[in-house]
Protein backbone atom coordinates (compact mmCIF):
# COMPACT_ATOMS: atom_id res chain seq x y z
CA MET A 1 -4.01 27.98 -9.04
CA THR A 2 -4.26 25.05 -6.60
CA LEU A 3 -1.45 23.11 -4.93
CA SER A 4 -2.37 19.97 -6.86
CA SER A 5 -1.88 21.82 -10.17
CA LEU A 6 1.62 22.87 -9.11
CA LEU A 7 2.72 19.33 -8.20
CA PRO A 8 4.45 17.27 -10.90
CA ARG A 9 2.18 14.70 -12.54
CA SER A 10 4.93 12.08 -12.62
CA LEU A 11 5.38 9.83 -9.59
CA LYS A 12 9.13 9.79 -10.22
CA ALA A 13 9.24 13.59 -10.28
CA ARG A 14 7.18 13.82 -7.08
CA LEU A 15 9.40 11.39 -5.22
CA PHE A 16 12.60 12.95 -6.57
CA TRP A 17 11.62 16.52 -5.65
CA ALA A 18 10.46 15.32 -2.25
CA SER A 19 13.95 13.87 -1.76
CA VAL A 20 15.56 17.10 -3.01
CA VAL A 21 13.59 19.08 -0.41
CA LEU A 22 13.66 16.67 2.56
CA LEU A 23 17.20 15.28 2.34
CA PRO A 24 18.85 18.71 2.95
CA ILE A 25 16.76 19.11 6.09
CA VAL A 26 17.91 15.73 7.37
CA THR A 27 21.49 16.51 6.31
CA VAL A 28 21.52 19.86 8.11
CA PHE A 29 20.18 18.34 11.33
CA ALA A 30 22.70 15.50 11.14
CA GLY A 31 25.56 17.91 10.42
CA ALA A 32 24.57 20.22 13.28
CA ALA A 33 24.34 17.25 15.66
CA LEU A 34 27.77 15.94 14.61
CA GLN A 35 29.33 19.38 14.86
CA ARG A 36 27.84 19.90 18.32
CA ALA A 37 29.08 16.51 19.44
CA PHE A 38 32.58 17.27 18.14
CA HIS A 39 32.57 20.65 19.88
CA ASN A 40 31.51 19.04 23.17
CA SER A 41 34.24 16.42 22.86
CA LEU A 42 36.86 19.17 22.34
CA LYS A 43 35.60 21.01 25.42
CA ALA A 44 35.73 17.82 27.45
CA SER A 45 39.30 17.26 26.26
CA GLU A 46 40.20 20.83 27.24
CA ALA A 47 38.74 20.29 30.73
CA SER A 48 40.64 17.02 31.10
CA GLN A 49 43.93 18.67 30.04
CA ALA A 50 43.37 21.58 32.45
CA ARG A 51 42.71 19.17 35.34
CA LEU A 52 45.98 17.40 34.52
CA HIS A 53 47.85 20.73 34.62
CA VAL A 54 46.36 21.41 38.06
CA TYR A 55 47.61 18.05 39.33
CA LEU A 56 51.09 18.73 37.92
CA LEU A 57 51.21 22.13 39.64
CA LEU A 58 50.02 20.65 42.93
CA GLY A 59 52.83 18.11 42.67
CA GLU A 60 55.38 20.96 42.67
CA ALA A 61 53.61 23.22 45.18
CA GLN A 62 54.77 23.72 48.78
CA LEU A 63 53.30 25.53 51.76
CA ARG A 64 55.76 28.05 53.24
CA ASP A 65 54.83 30.37 56.08
CA GLY A 66 51.15 29.76 55.40
CA ARG A 67 51.48 30.65 51.75
CA LEU A 68 51.42 28.37 48.74
CA TRP A 69 54.75 28.46 46.95
CA LEU A 70 55.42 27.37 43.38
CA PRO A 71 58.72 27.61 41.44
CA ASN A 72 58.91 29.99 38.48
CA SER A 73 59.95 27.15 36.22
CA VAL A 74 57.55 24.22 36.25
CA GLN A 75 57.45 20.99 34.23
CA GLU A 76 55.12 22.42 31.57
CA PRO A 77 57.39 24.81 29.61
CA ARG A 78 54.49 26.88 28.28
CA PHE A 79 53.84 28.20 31.78
CA SER A 80 57.28 29.88 31.56
CA GLN A 81 56.73 31.49 28.13
CA VAL A 82 55.02 34.86 28.00
CA GLN A 83 51.85 34.87 25.93
CA SER A 84 52.21 31.12 25.28
CA GLY A 85 48.44 30.59 25.45
CA LEU A 86 48.61 28.49 28.65
CA TYR A 87 48.34 30.37 31.96
CA ALA A 88 48.02 29.52 35.66
CA THR A 89 47.12 31.53 38.76
CA VAL A 90 46.62 30.83 42.45
CA HIS A 91 44.32 32.95 44.60
CA SER A 92 43.58 32.85 48.28
CA ARG A 93 40.11 32.28 49.61
CA GLY A 94 39.72 36.02 49.98
CA GLY A 95 40.62 36.65 46.35
CA GLU A 96 44.24 37.69 46.85
CA LEU A 97 46.56 36.75 44.01
CA LEU A 98 49.24 34.49 45.52
CA TRP A 99 51.00 33.28 42.39
CA ARG A 100 50.81 33.36 38.64
CA SER A 101 52.89 31.72 36.00
CA PRO A 102 55.37 33.82 34.01
CA SER A 103 53.19 33.27 30.94
CA ALA A 104 50.33 35.14 32.67
CA GLU A 105 52.30 38.32 33.34
CA LEU A 106 50.65 40.23 30.52
CA LEU A 107 47.09 39.08 31.10
CA PRO A 108 44.63 42.01 31.39
CA GLU A 109 43.93 43.19 34.93
CA ASP A 110 40.16 43.08 34.47
CA LEU A 111 40.46 39.39 33.59
CA MET A 112 42.66 38.78 36.64
CA ASN A 113 40.09 40.52 38.82
CA ARG A 114 37.32 38.28 37.48
CA LEU A 115 39.10 35.05 38.28
CA PRO A 116 38.50 34.68 42.05
CA ARG A 117 35.41 32.54 42.77
CA PRO A 118 34.75 32.50 46.51
CA ASN A 119 31.58 30.43 46.02
CA LEU A 120 33.44 27.32 44.84
CA GLU A 121 33.59 24.69 47.55
CA PRO A 122 36.18 21.91 47.84
CA GLY A 123 35.33 19.08 45.50
CA GLN A 124 33.68 21.42 43.01
CA THR A 125 35.26 22.49 39.75
CA LEU A 126 34.37 25.08 37.14
CA PHE A 127 35.01 24.86 33.42
CA GLN A 128 33.73 27.48 31.03
CA HIS A 129 34.47 29.22 27.79
CA LEU A 130 35.25 32.94 27.85
CA PRO A 131 34.62 33.84 24.19
CA GLU A 132 35.21 37.59 24.75
CA ASP A 133 38.69 36.78 26.04
CA GLY A 134 39.34 33.88 23.66
CA LEU A 135 40.11 31.55 26.58
CA PHE A 136 38.93 28.39 28.33
CA LEU A 137 38.88 28.65 32.13
CA PHE A 138 39.23 25.72 34.55
CA GLN A 139 39.14 26.41 38.30
CA TYR A 140 39.90 23.94 41.04
CA PRO A 141 39.59 24.78 44.79
CA VAL A 142 42.32 23.30 46.99
CA VAL A 143 42.35 22.70 50.76
CA TRP A 144 45.89 22.42 52.15
CA GLU A 145 46.34 21.08 55.68
CA GLY A 146 49.41 22.36 57.45
CA GLU A 147 50.65 23.04 60.99
CA GLY A 148 48.55 26.15 61.24
CA GLY A 149 45.39 24.36 60.06
CA GLU A 150 43.64 24.36 56.75
CA ARG A 151 44.47 26.77 53.97
CA HIS A 152 42.06 27.36 51.06
CA PHE A 153 43.36 28.19 47.63
CA LEU A 154 41.83 28.53 44.16
CA MET A 155 43.90 27.32 41.24
CA SER A 156 42.94 28.63 37.75
CA ILE A 157 44.14 27.28 34.43
CA LEU A 158 43.50 29.35 31.31
CA HIS A 159 44.09 28.10 27.76
CA THR A 160 43.56 29.93 24.50
CA ASP A 161 40.72 28.70 22.32
CA ASP A 162 42.60 29.25 19.04
CA SER A 163 43.43 25.58 18.58
CA VAL A 164 39.87 24.55 19.36
CA ASP A 165 38.48 27.07 16.85
CA ARG A 166 40.91 25.85 14.21
CA GLU A 167 39.91 22.23 14.81
CA ILE A 168 36.22 23.11 14.71
CA GLN A 169 36.67 25.02 11.45
CA ALA A 170 38.65 22.19 9.91
CA PHE A 171 36.11 19.63 11.10
CA ALA A 172 33.19 21.72 9.83
CA THR A 173 34.83 22.11 6.42
CA GLN A 174 35.39 18.38 6.11
CA LEU A 175 32.01 17.52 7.63
CA TRP A 176 29.91 19.69 5.33
CA GLY A 177 32.00 18.66 2.35
CA TRP A 178 31.38 14.98 3.08
CA LEU A 179 27.71 15.60 3.87
CA GLY A 180 27.33 17.44 0.58
CA GLY A 181 28.86 14.46 -1.20
CA VAL A 182 26.58 12.10 0.72
CA TYR A 183 23.59 14.26 -0.24
CA ILE A 184 24.43 14.09 -3.94
CA LEU A 185 25.13 10.34 -3.68
CA ALA A 186 21.84 9.83 -1.82
CA LEU A 187 19.94 11.70 -4.54
CA LEU A 188 21.56 9.56 -7.23
CA MET A 189 20.79 6.38 -5.33
CA GLN A 190 17.24 7.57 -4.67
CA TYR A 191 16.78 8.25 -8.37
CA MET A 192 18.12 4.80 -9.29
CA ILE A 193 15.92 3.14 -6.67
CA MET A 194 12.87 5.03 -7.99
CA ARG A 195 13.64 4.00 -11.56
CA TRP A 196 14.06 0.39 -10.49
CA GLY A 197 11.08 0.41 -8.10
CA LEU A 198 8.68 2.07 -10.56
CA LYS A 199 9.86 0.10 -13.59
CA PRO A 200 6.89 -2.33 -13.26
CA LEU A 201 4.55 0.64 -13.77
CA ASP A 202 6.40 1.53 -16.98
CA SER A 203 6.06 -2.10 -18.09
CA LEU A 204 2.37 -1.98 -17.23
CA ALA A 205 1.93 1.16 -19.36
CA GLU A 206 3.74 -0.53 -22.27
CA ASP A 207 1.57 -3.63 -21.97
CA LEU A 208 -1.60 -1.51 -21.92
CA SER A 209 -0.35 0.35 -25.00
CA SER A 210 0.21 -3.00 -26.76
CA ILE A 211 -3.35 -4.02 -25.92
CA GLU A 212 -4.68 -0.68 -27.19
CA GLN A 213 -2.79 -1.13 -30.49
CA GLY A 214 -4.09 -4.68 -30.85
CA GLN A 215 -0.66 -6.30 -30.42
CA ALA A 216 -1.71 -8.22 -27.28
CA ASP A 217 -4.94 -9.43 -25.76
CA LYS A 218 -4.02 -9.22 -22.07
CA LEU A 219 -1.32 -8.15 -19.60
CA LYS A 220 1.32 -10.87 -19.67
CA GLY A 221 4.26 -9.30 -17.81
CA LYS A 222 5.56 -10.42 -14.44
CA TYR A 223 4.82 -7.80 -11.80
CA PRO A 224 5.53 -7.37 -8.06
CA LEU A 225 2.89 -8.60 -5.64
CA GLU A 226 1.62 -5.07 -5.00
CA VAL A 227 1.02 -4.53 -8.75
CA GLN A 228 -0.03 -8.09 -9.59
CA ALA A 229 -3.42 -7.64 -7.94
CA VAL A 230 -4.06 -4.59 -10.15
CA THR A 231 -2.97 -6.41 -13.32
CA ASP A 232 -5.13 -9.43 -12.46
CA ASN A 233 -8.18 -7.20 -12.05
CA LEU A 234 -7.32 -5.35 -15.26
CA ASN A 235 -7.07 -8.67 -17.10
CA ARG A 236 -10.48 -9.63 -15.74
CA LEU A 237 -11.88 -6.29 -16.86
CA ILE A 238 -10.30 -6.59 -20.32
CA GLU A 239 -11.62 -10.14 -20.71
CA SER A 240 -15.05 -9.02 -19.52
CA GLU A 241 -15.12 -6.19 -22.05
CA ARG A 242 -13.97 -8.55 -24.82
CA ARG A 243 -16.74 -11.00 -23.98
CA GLN A 244 -19.23 -8.15 -23.95
CA ARG A 245 -18.17 -7.12 -27.46
CA GLU A 246 -18.44 -10.73 -28.60
CA ARG A 247 -21.86 -10.88 -26.99
CA TYR A 248 -23.00 -7.84 -28.97
CA ARG A 249 -21.73 -9.34 -32.21
CA ASN A 250 -23.28 -12.73 -31.48
CA THR A 251 -26.57 -11.15 -30.44
CA LEU A 252 -26.79 -9.13 -33.65
CA GLY A 253 -26.05 -12.25 -35.67
CA ASP A 254 -28.60 -14.29 -33.74
CA LEU A 255 -31.16 -11.53 -34.07
CA ALA A 256 -30.71 -11.31 -37.81
CA HIS A 257 -30.86 -15.07 -38.18
CA SER A 258 -33.94 -15.39 -35.94
CA LEU A 259 -35.85 -12.68 -37.79
CA LYS A 260 -35.30 -14.30 -41.18
CA THR A 261 -37.95 -17.00 -40.59
CA PRO A 262 -40.93 -14.78 -39.58
CA LEU A 263 -39.99 -12.30 -42.30
CA ALA A 264 -39.90 -15.11 -44.84
CA VAL A 265 -43.31 -16.35 -43.65
CA MET A 266 -44.88 -12.92 -44.01
CA SER A 267 -43.18 -12.40 -47.36
CA GLY A 268 -44.48 -15.74 -48.63
CA ALA A 269 -47.96 -15.03 -47.30
CA ALA A 270 -48.13 -11.85 -49.33
CA ASP A 271 -47.82 -13.91 -52.52
CA GLU A 272 -50.49 -16.39 -51.46
CA GLN A 273 -54.16 -15.94 -52.05
CA MET A 274 -55.63 -15.69 -48.53
CA ASP A 275 -58.39 -13.63 -47.11
CA SER A 276 -57.65 -10.52 -45.09
CA GLU A 277 -58.65 -12.10 -41.79
CA ARG A 278 -56.23 -15.03 -42.13
CA TYR A 279 -53.49 -12.71 -43.37
CA ARG A 280 -54.06 -10.34 -40.43
CA GLN A 281 -53.90 -13.28 -37.99
CA LEU A 282 -50.68 -14.57 -39.58
CA VAL A 283 -49.05 -11.15 -39.46
CA SER A 284 -50.14 -10.74 -35.86
CA GLU A 285 -48.63 -14.10 -34.91
CA GLN A 286 -45.37 -13.46 -36.70
CA THR A 287 -45.16 -9.93 -35.31
CA ALA A 288 -45.64 -11.27 -31.80
CA ARG A 289 -42.96 -13.86 -32.47
CA MET A 290 -40.58 -11.21 -33.82
CA ASN A 291 -41.25 -9.04 -30.78
CA GLN A 292 -40.48 -12.03 -28.57
CA ILE A 293 -37.22 -12.65 -30.43
CA VAL A 294 -36.20 -8.99 -30.24
CA GLN A 295 -36.95 -8.77 -26.51
CA TYR A 296 -35.01 -11.93 -25.83
CA GLN A 297 -31.98 -10.88 -27.87
CA LEU A 298 -31.98 -7.41 -26.32
CA SER A 299 -32.06 -8.91 -22.84
CA ARG A 300 -29.04 -11.02 -23.77
CA ALA A 301 -27.21 -8.04 -25.25
CA VAL A 302 -27.64 -5.78 -22.23
CA LYS A 303 -27.12 -8.56 -19.70
CA SER A 304 -24.07 -8.05 -17.50
CA PRO A 305 -21.19 -10.04 -18.97
CA GLY A 306 -20.08 -11.26 -15.57
CA ALA A 307 -18.22 -8.80 -13.43
CA PRO A 308 -15.53 -10.35 -11.25
CA LEU A 309 -15.17 -7.00 -9.52
CA ALA A 310 -18.84 -6.87 -8.44
CA ALA A 311 -19.88 -7.11 -4.81
CA PRO A 312 -20.83 -10.66 -3.70
CA VAL A 313 -24.55 -11.54 -3.78
CA ALA A 314 -26.01 -13.89 -1.17
CA VAL A 315 -27.38 -17.00 -2.94
CA GLU A 316 -30.03 -18.22 -0.49
CA PRO A 317 -32.32 -15.14 -0.57
CA VAL A 318 -32.34 -15.23 -4.40
CA VAL A 319 -33.15 -18.97 -4.39
CA ARG A 320 -36.04 -18.52 -1.96
CA ARG A 321 -37.44 -15.60 -3.96
CA ILE A 322 -37.46 -17.63 -7.18
CA LEU A 323 -38.95 -20.69 -5.44
CA SER A 324 -41.72 -18.54 -4.01
CA ALA A 325 -42.67 -17.31 -7.48
CA LEU A 326 -42.45 -20.78 -9.05
CA GLY A 327 -44.55 -22.25 -6.25
CA LYS A 328 -47.39 -19.94 -7.28
CA VAL A 329 -47.03 -20.73 -10.99
CA TYR A 330 -46.91 -24.51 -10.45
CA VAL A 331 -49.27 -24.62 -7.49
CA ASP A 332 -51.22 -27.53 -9.01
CA LYS A 333 -48.16 -29.80 -8.97
CA ALA A 334 -47.58 -29.25 -5.21
CA ILE A 335 -43.81 -29.56 -5.61
CA GLU A 336 -41.98 -30.39 -2.38
CA VAL A 337 -38.74 -28.35 -2.21
CA SER A 338 -35.74 -28.99 0.05
CA ILE A 339 -32.90 -26.43 0.38
CA GLU A 340 -29.40 -27.32 1.59
CA LEU A 341 -27.15 -24.28 1.06
CA ALA A 342 -23.91 -23.60 2.91
CA PRO A 343 -24.18 -20.61 5.29
CA GLY A 344 -22.89 -17.41 3.73
CA LEU A 345 -22.75 -18.85 0.20
CA SER A 346 -22.38 -15.94 -2.23
CA PHE A 347 -22.08 -15.24 -5.94
CA ALA A 348 -19.40 -12.78 -7.15
CA GLY A 349 -21.39 -11.12 -9.91
CA ASP A 350 -24.57 -9.31 -10.88
CA GLU A 351 -27.74 -10.19 -8.96
CA HIS A 352 -29.87 -10.08 -12.13
CA ASP A 353 -27.56 -12.64 -13.76
CA LEU A 354 -27.91 -14.90 -10.74
CA MET A 355 -31.70 -14.62 -10.84
CA GLU A 356 -31.80 -15.31 -14.59
CA LEU A 357 -29.44 -18.28 -14.21
CA LEU A 358 -31.20 -19.90 -11.25
CA GLY A 359 -34.64 -18.95 -12.56
CA ASN A 360 -34.14 -20.88 -15.82
CA VAL A 361 -32.67 -23.96 -14.11
CA LEU A 362 -35.27 -24.03 -11.31
CA GLU A 363 -38.16 -23.48 -13.72
CA ASN A 364 -36.86 -26.40 -15.77
CA ALA A 365 -36.89 -28.54 -12.60
CA PHE A 366 -40.44 -27.44 -11.71
CA LYS A 367 -41.62 -28.02 -15.27
CA TYR A 368 -40.31 -31.58 -15.60
CA GLY A 369 -40.24 -32.68 -11.96
CA ARG A 370 -43.11 -34.69 -10.57
CA ARG A 371 -43.21 -34.07 -6.83
CA GLN A 372 -39.73 -33.23 -5.54
CA VAL A 373 -37.05 -30.58 -6.19
CA ARG A 374 -33.86 -30.34 -4.17
CA VAL A 375 -31.45 -27.36 -4.13
CA ARG A 376 -27.99 -27.86 -2.67
CA GLY A 377 -24.97 -25.57 -2.72
CA GLY A 378 -21.52 -24.97 -1.25
CA ALA A 379 -18.00 -23.76 -1.99
CA GLY A 380 -14.62 -25.43 -2.14
CA GLN A 381 -11.45 -25.85 -4.22
CA GLY A 382 -11.90 -22.41 -5.80
CA LEU A 383 -15.48 -23.09 -6.93
CA VAL A 384 -19.02 -22.14 -5.91
CA TRP A 385 -21.42 -24.96 -6.84
CA ILE A 386 -25.22 -25.16 -6.85
CA GLU A 387 -27.07 -28.36 -7.73
CA VAL A 388 -30.77 -28.43 -8.70
CA ALA A 389 -32.25 -31.96 -8.80
CA ASP A 390 -35.79 -33.10 -9.63
CA ASP A 391 -37.65 -36.41 -9.72
CA GLY A 392 -38.59 -36.09 -13.38
CA PRO A 393 -37.80 -38.52 -16.22
CA GLY A 394 -34.17 -37.47 -16.33
CA VAL A 395 -31.98 -36.76 -19.35
CA SER A 396 -30.19 -39.47 -21.30
CA LYS A 397 -26.43 -39.12 -21.70
CA ASP A 398 -26.61 -38.63 -25.48
CA MET A 399 -29.08 -35.75 -25.10
CA ARG A 400 -27.41 -33.84 -22.25
CA GLN A 401 -25.35 -31.66 -24.56
CA VAL A 402 -28.17 -31.25 -27.08
CA ILE A 403 -30.66 -29.64 -24.68
CA LEU A 404 -28.10 -26.95 -23.79
CA GLU A 405 -28.25 -25.65 -27.33
CA ARG A 406 -30.61 -22.82 -28.11
CA GLY A 407 -34.08 -23.95 -29.10
CA ALA A 408 -33.49 -27.64 -28.36
CA ARG A 409 -36.23 -29.39 -26.35
CA LEU A 410 -36.90 -32.98 -25.31
CA ASP A 411 -40.60 -32.51 -24.63
CA SER A 412 -42.43 -30.45 -27.23
CA SER A 413 -45.70 -30.80 -25.36
CA ALA A 414 -44.55 -28.52 -22.56
CA PRO A 415 -44.86 -24.79 -23.26
CA GLY A 416 -41.69 -22.80 -23.90
CA GLN A 417 -39.18 -21.66 -26.47
CA GLY A 418 -36.43 -24.15 -25.64
CA ILE A 419 -33.95 -21.37 -24.85
CA GLY A 420 -33.91 -21.33 -21.02
CA LEU A 421 -30.94 -23.64 -20.51
CA SER A 422 -28.98 -21.97 -23.33
CA VAL A 423 -29.43 -18.62 -21.57
CA ALA A 424 -28.10 -20.23 -18.39
CA VAL A 425 -25.09 -21.55 -20.33
CA ASP A 426 -24.44 -18.10 -21.80
CA ILE A 427 -24.51 -16.48 -18.37
CA LEU A 428 -22.20 -19.12 -16.94
CA SER A 429 -19.75 -18.79 -19.82
CA SER A 430 -19.50 -15.04 -19.22
CA TYR A 431 -18.33 -15.80 -15.67
CA GLY A 432 -16.04 -18.67 -16.64
CA GLY A 433 -18.46 -21.22 -15.16
CA ALA A 434 -20.11 -24.39 -16.46
CA LEU A 435 -23.41 -26.30 -16.36
CA GLU A 436 -23.24 -30.08 -16.05
CA ILE A 437 -26.18 -32.48 -16.34
CA ARG A 438 -26.03 -35.74 -14.43
CA ASP A 439 -28.27 -38.39 -12.92
CA SER A 440 -29.80 -37.68 -9.53
CA VAL A 441 -30.08 -40.34 -6.84
CA GLU A 442 -32.12 -38.42 -4.30
CA PRO A 443 -34.62 -37.65 -5.70
CA PRO A 444 -34.22 -40.06 -8.64
CA GLY A 445 -34.24 -38.05 -11.86
CA ALA A 446 -32.03 -35.30 -13.36
CA ALA A 447 -29.53 -33.04 -11.59
CA PHE A 448 -28.18 -29.78 -13.02
CA LEU A 449 -24.83 -28.79 -11.46
CA ILE A 450 -23.86 -25.11 -11.70
CA GLN A 451 -20.15 -24.37 -11.13
CA LEU A 452 -18.66 -20.89 -10.81
CA PRO A 453 -15.11 -19.78 -9.93
CA THR A 454 -14.77 -17.89 -6.68
CA LEU A 455 -13.39 -14.34 -6.56
CA ASP A 456 -9.70 -14.41 -5.40
């Protein structure tokens, strides 16, 4: 069993379970940081209070006979209460106990022996927690200048940590309670945001279901920018597939209609009295014609319907390849060709479609042109355009639409089936393009303008 098989298939479920797993980690780190910060602030407050007690004691202290003297009753009443939780001691530089508050009378001797710190220099202070004793210790070295010179003393303030522990416990209870509430609220908000954020995907699925059931022909909903590009491409794909189906239906209809004539000719010939040689020749001609029709219709049926998602195809190499082939076919006419294509001009579709399209239009120009053919092309205003002009007789305005129909020809003396331009029109229609016939000034004659939408 792989990891991918264990993961939920729903995007909402994936995001929700990711939040369920990751949010507690963030919550725990945040809670630990807040609790540590609160603990540090309490310790700083304890140190500040202990320093204040030292200053109050120094205000009442006196130096008598080289010894530091303090009254038994000081301003802070807790120093006078036994086991009050606030204690004070004074040691000499050598570690001798010089004074202790009445509240410190019952402190353990081993603790009293650990209090002297001969390594503390004037200006230095020490604050630490003694968890085994349940006390905070603040020590402050004092240098007293008297008649006999300097005297060094060490003042120690001890305070029980019970109040700090109670505050930390109370803070932790409230903190984790609030963080738990925030975690649940964050999950609910995350779920609501996911439902709202992924709602366009649900709408997209509903639209696709409507298309599948035949209730709609394309995606019509309004989607966010990130999804709109997908829906636009899906609409192009759906339209392309629809045109392909229409192409199959039209091709089958055209094939059936086109085969009726040669079949009717052969059927009628069977009833006529003709020798075997003539009948064999007629059948051969009609069979060749039917084969031609079938090949043509099959090529139309399997032709790419215009793929807006296809990679762009450079136009100029295709044009030059076709012109090279036509130059060999119409070598006797010595057609002079000029090419004016914008650099980098490309066609967003199938290369075979481009060759079929340009091949039919260029062959038409070579067939009816006298001496000159000009190919121009560029892009602008959302369109790719290619113009093929020749110096032939031109096309009158009333016949320009007629010659685009299948089988229509102006000059029956020239060889051909009269279907080249109609194939070009079919290809262009599959890409949403158009073929326009106009008069050409340079060279004077006919101009065929191919227009195709660019790929956004």
